[in-house]
Amino acid sequence: QVQLVESGGGLVQPGGSLRLSCAASGFTFSSYAMSWYRQAPGKERELVARITSTGGSTNYADSMKGRFTISRDNSRNTVYLQMNSLKPEDTAVYYCNRVGSWLGPSYWGQGTQVTVSS
């Protein structure tokens, strides 16, 4: 069965960095675009970044451009989110997402908590 398992979240001070990982299994990882979303308390889930199946193209929400980097390693079936210059407003649960396509539906991981606080 499809599994997406996020890791790497935690507590970090403002200005710090974290790298999130999402390990995928149960499907042909290299065939799917992947995304990271986040959801802060009381807010809607929002797109953070997306990467194509080959990793050749990425896009970001405006507020993350220049601070966050999405990447993937198809040999390890893993997608990453490098987060730098973190701000308190980046505090949220971060979710890994398999982008739905004609190959298969969208699928979500269970999320990992990121808290930015001094």
Protein backbone atom coordinates (compact mmCIF):
# COMPACT_ATOMS: atom_id res chain seq x y z
CA GLN A 1 0.00 0.00 0.00
CA VAL A 2 1.02 3.60 -0.51
CA GLN A 3 2.95 5.07 2.39
CA LEU A 4 4.45 8.50 2.87
CA VAL A 5 6.39 8.93 6.10
CA GLU A 6 7.64 12.37 7.04
CA SER A 7 10.47 13.00 9.46
CA GLY A 8 12.80 15.79 10.51
CA GLY A 9 10.39 18.15 12.23
CA GLY A 10 11.01 19.65 15.62
CA LEU A 11 11.63 22.81 17.58
CA VAL A 12 14.02 25.38 16.11
CA GLN A 13 14.89 28.97 16.95
CA PRO A 14 14.04 31.81 14.59
CA GLY A 15 16.65 32.04 11.88
CA GLY A 16 17.46 28.37 12.16
CA SER A 17 17.18 25.54 9.65
CA LEU A 18 15.53 22.16 9.36
CA ARG A 19 15.45 19.51 6.68
CA LEU A 20 12.30 17.47 6.32
CA SER A 21 12.29 14.09 4.62
CA CYS A 22 9.45 12.06 3.19
CA ALA A 23 10.10 8.39 2.53
CA ALA A 24 7.73 6.91 -0.03
CA SER A 25 6.80 3.30 -0.64
CA GLY A 26 4.13 1.22 -2.30
CA PHE A 27 4.18 2.99 -5.66
CA THR A 28 6.54 4.00 -8.45
CA PHE A 29 7.95 7.12 -6.81
CA SER A 30 9.82 8.35 -9.87
CA SER A 31 6.57 8.60 -11.84
CA TYR A 32 4.88 11.15 -9.59
CA ALA A 33 5.30 14.81 -8.87
CA MET A 34 5.53 15.46 -5.14
CA SER A 35 4.61 18.39 -2.95
CA TRP A 36 4.99 19.72 0.55
CA TYR A 37 2.05 21.46 2.22
CA ARG A 38 1.67 22.96 5.65
CA GLN A 39 -1.16 23.76 8.00
CA ALA A 40 -0.91 26.17 10.89
CA PRO A 41 -3.43 26.12 13.75
CA GLY A 42 -6.69 27.69 12.69
CA LYS A 43 -5.58 28.08 9.09
CA GLU A 44 -6.18 26.22 5.86
CA ARG A 45 -3.60 23.83 4.46
CA GLU A 46 -1.38 25.63 1.98
CA LEU A 47 1.06 24.58 -0.71
CA VAL A 48 4.72 25.07 0.21
CA ALA A 49 6.54 23.64 -2.78
CA ARG A 50 6.18 21.16 -5.62
CA ILE A 51 8.69 19.17 -7.65
CA THR A 52 8.19 17.26 -10.90
CA SER A 53 8.73 13.53 -11.15
CA THR A 54 12.25 13.93 -12.50
CA GLY A 55 13.15 16.80 -10.22
CA GLY A 56 13.73 19.01 -13.21
CA SER A 57 11.27 21.68 -12.21
CA THR A 58 10.16 23.14 -8.91
CA ASN A 59 7.80 25.84 -7.76
CA TYR A 60 7.22 27.55 -4.44
CA ALA A 61 4.70 29.63 -2.60
CA ASP A 62 5.81 33.26 -2.67
CA SER A 63 6.46 33.43 1.07
CA MET A 64 8.90 30.48 0.88
CA LYS A 65 10.88 31.50 -2.19
CA GLY A 66 14.55 31.93 -1.41
CA ARG A 67 14.25 30.25 2.00
CA PHE A 68 12.94 26.76 1.23
CA THR A 69 14.27 24.22 -1.26
CA ILE A 70 12.46 21.09 -2.38
CA SER A 71 14.46 18.23 -3.83
CA ARG A 72 14.15 14.52 -4.41
CA ASP A 73 16.26 11.41 -4.69
CA ASN A 74 14.46 8.91 -6.87
CA SER A 75 17.03 6.24 -6.02
CA ARG A 76 16.00 6.54 -2.36
CA ASN A 77 12.27 7.18 -2.99
CA THR A 78 12.57 10.29 -0.86
CA VAL A 79 11.57 13.92 -1.20
CA TYR A 80 13.15 16.62 0.95
CA LEU A 81 12.34 20.11 2.10
CA GLN A 82 15.27 22.21 3.23
CA MET A 83 14.03 25.14 5.28
CA ASN A 84 16.35 28.03 6.11
CA SER A 85 15.86 31.37 7.84
CA LEU A 86 12.85 30.00 9.65
CA LYS A 87 10.34 32.40 11.14
CA PRO A 88 7.74 31.92 13.87
CA GLU A 89 5.05 32.12 11.18
CA ASP A 90 6.52 28.97 9.61
CA THR A 91 5.23 27.02 12.60
CA ALA A 92 2.85 24.38 11.25
CA VAL A 93 2.35 20.71 10.57
CA TYR A 94 4.14 19.92 7.31
CA TYR A 95 2.66 17.27 5.05
CA CYS A 96 4.15 15.31 2.19
CA ASN A 97 1.83 14.84 -0.77
CA ARG A 98 1.87 12.62 -3.81
CA VAL A 99 0.39 14.73 -6.55
CA GLY A 100 -2.61 13.07 -8.16
CA SER A 101 -2.46 12.30 -11.86
CA TRP A 102 -3.80 9.86 -14.41
CA LEU A 103 -1.49 7.32 -12.76
CA GLY A 104 -3.16 7.52 -9.37
CA PRO A 105 -4.84 9.75 -6.82
CA SER A 106 -3.38 12.30 -4.47
CA TYR A 107 -2.05 10.82 -1.23
CA TRP A 108 -0.99 12.36 2.06
CA GLY A 109 1.51 11.56 4.74
CA GLN A 110 0.67 11.89 8.42
CA GLY A 111 2.55 15.15 8.86
CA THR A 112 5.45 16.35 10.98
CA GLN A 113 5.33 19.26 13.39
CA VAL A 114 7.66 22.21 12.89
CA THR A 115 7.77 24.80 15.66
CA VAL A 116 9.82 27.97 15.32
CA SER A 117 10.20 29.67 18.65
CA SER A 118 12.82 31.17 20.91
